[in-house]
Each structure stands twice: as structure tokens, then as C-alpha cells.
Amino acid sequence: MPYDSIAELPESVRNVLPKDAQEIYKGAFNGAHEQYDDESRAHATAWAAVKKRYEKGDDGTWHKRD
């Protein structure tokens, strides 16, 4: 199911990613879900999109890449 807003994202995404990264996740998920019609593949695609612009720091929080 595509997400209309970041408030609808799973808690596992909302609780760890900054707002901008959540928007990236939502957009990538929705696009992949439309293309593949496979929820697990859409989540994997969304995480890959986030990891292109963000990285998890040693402190366990996500930060924009340089």
C-alpha cells in the first residue's frame, strides 16, 4: 500500500530517520510499489534510496552524507 504522508510510514522508519529522509523513503517506496507491486521489494528499494543520501553514524542516528 502506498503512503500518502510520512505519518503513515512504519514506526521503524519514523522513529529512526530525519524528516527529509522519511520523505525520500516515502517517495521511493511509492514509486517502487507502483512499479513492482511487491511490498518487500518496495521497502528494500526505499531503504536503498535513503542510504544513498544518508548514513547511520556511530551514535546510531542517521546523518546526511557529505
C-alpha atoms as a PDB file:
ATOM      1  CA  MET A   1       0.000   0.000   0.000  1.00  0.00           C
ATOM      2  CA  PRO A   2       1.461   3.372  -0.954  1.00  0.00           C
ATOM      3  CA  TYR A   3       1.862   6.032   1.731  1.00  0.00           C
ATOM      4  CA  ASP A   4       0.051   9.370   1.446  1.00  0.00           C
ATOM      5  CA  SER A   5       2.130  11.038   4.166  1.00  0.00           C
ATOM      6  CA  ILE A   6       5.179  10.346   6.305  1.00  0.00           C
ATOM      7  CA  ALA A   7       2.850   9.953   9.295  1.00  0.00           C
ATOM      8  CA  GLU A   8       1.699   6.679   7.710  1.00  0.00           C
ATOM      9  CA  LEU A   9       5.224   5.231   7.449  1.00  0.00           C
ATOM     10  CA  PRO A  10       6.073   2.279   9.693  1.00  0.00           C
ATOM     11  CA  GLU A  11       7.307   3.232  13.154  1.00  0.00           C
ATOM     12  CA  SER A  12      10.608   1.531  12.342  1.00  0.00           C
ATOM     13  CA  VAL A  13      11.145   4.246   9.714  1.00  0.00           C
ATOM     14  CA  ARG A  14       9.597   7.240  11.509  1.00  0.00           C
ATOM     15  CA  ASN A  15      11.461   6.608  14.749  1.00  0.00           C
ATOM     16  CA  VAL A  16      14.936   6.468  13.210  1.00  0.00           C
ATOM     17  CA  LEU A  17      15.057   8.709  10.145  1.00  0.00           C
ATOM     18  CA  PRO A  18      15.079  12.516   9.975  1.00  0.00           C
ATOM     19  CA  LYS A  19      12.070  14.109   8.232  1.00  0.00           C
ATOM     20  CA  ASP A  20      13.905  14.657   4.922  1.00  0.00           C
ATOM     21  CA  ALA A  21      14.987  11.019   4.858  1.00  0.00           C
ATOM     22  CA  GLN A  22      11.412   9.968   5.607  1.00  0.00           C
ATOM     23  CA  GLU A  23      10.262  11.921   2.542  1.00  0.00           C
ATOM     24  CA  ILE A  24      12.906  10.148   0.445  1.00  0.00           C
ATOM     25  CA  TYR A  25      11.749   6.801   1.827  1.00  0.00           C
ATOM     26  CA  LYS A  26       8.086   7.568   1.099  1.00  0.00           C
ATOM     27  CA  GLY A  27       8.758   8.674  -2.463  1.00  0.00           C
ATOM     28  CA  ALA A  28      10.998   5.718  -3.252  1.00  0.00           C
ATOM     29  CA  PHE A  29       8.606   3.253  -1.641  1.00  0.00           C
ATOM     30  CA  ASN A  30       5.605   4.604  -3.543  1.00  0.00           C
ATOM     31  CA  GLY A  31       7.443   4.570  -6.853  1.00  0.00           C
ATOM     32  CA  ALA A  32       8.793   1.060  -6.341  1.00  0.00           C
ATOM     33  CA  HIS A  33       5.432  -0.232  -5.130  1.00  0.00           C
ATOM     34  CA  GLU A  34       3.766   1.112  -8.252  1.00  0.00           C
ATOM     35  CA  GLN A  35       6.457  -0.389 -10.476  1.00  0.00           C
ATOM     36  CA  TYR A  36       6.873  -3.807  -8.836  1.00  0.00           C
ATOM     37  CA  ASP A  37       3.597  -4.291  -6.880  1.00  0.00           C
ATOM     38  CA  ASP A  38       5.695  -6.063  -4.236  1.00  0.00           C
ATOM     39  CA  GLU A  39       5.770  -4.558  -0.760  1.00  0.00           C
ATOM     40  CA  SER A  40       9.002  -6.178   0.420  1.00  0.00           C
ATOM     41  CA  ARG A  41      10.816  -5.091  -2.740  1.00  0.00           C
ATOM     42  CA  ALA A  42       9.416  -1.578  -2.326  1.00  0.00           C
ATOM     43  CA  HIS A  43      10.743  -1.376   1.261  1.00  0.00           C
ATOM     44  CA  ALA A  44      14.167  -2.599   0.121  1.00  0.00           C
ATOM     45  CA  THR A  45      14.195  -0.014  -2.674  1.00  0.00           C
ATOM     46  CA  ALA A  46      13.173   2.732  -0.251  1.00  0.00           C
ATOM     47  CA  TRP A  47      15.973   1.882   2.192  1.00  0.00           C
ATOM     48  CA  ALA A  48      18.473   1.832  -0.689  1.00  0.00           C
ATOM     49  CA  ALA A  49      17.330   5.318  -1.717  1.00  0.00           C
ATOM     50  CA  VAL A  50      17.754   6.622   1.838  1.00  0.00           C
ATOM     51  CA  LYS A  51      21.235   5.078   2.114  1.00  0.00           C
ATOM     52  CA  LYS A  52      22.373   6.994  -0.989  1.00  0.00           C
ATOM     53  CA  ARG A  53      21.855  10.321   0.822  1.00  0.00           C
ATOM     54  CA  TYR A  54      22.114   9.320   4.492  1.00  0.00           C
ATOM     55  CA  GLU A  55      24.327   7.097   6.587  1.00  0.00           C
ATOM     56  CA  LYS A  56      23.952   5.696  10.066  1.00  0.00           C
ATOM     57  CA  GLY A  57      26.564   7.211  12.362  1.00  0.00           C
ATOM     58  CA  ASP A  58      28.486   5.574  15.172  1.00  0.00           C
ATOM     59  CA  ASP A  59      25.994   7.188  17.538  1.00  0.00           C
ATOM     60  CA  GLY A  60      23.182   5.175  15.920  1.00  0.00           C
ATOM     61  CA  THR A  61      21.461   8.156  14.289  1.00  0.00           C
ATOM     62  CA  TRP A  62      21.125   8.859  10.568  1.00  0.00           C
ATOM     63  CA  HIS A  63      23.079  11.791   9.092  1.00  0.00           C
ATOM     64  CA  LYS A  64      23.270  13.313   5.605  1.00  0.00           C
ATOM     65  CA  ARG A  65      26.255  12.144   3.625  1.00  0.00           C
ATOM     66  CA  ASP A  66      28.855  14.738   2.682  1.00  0.00           C
END
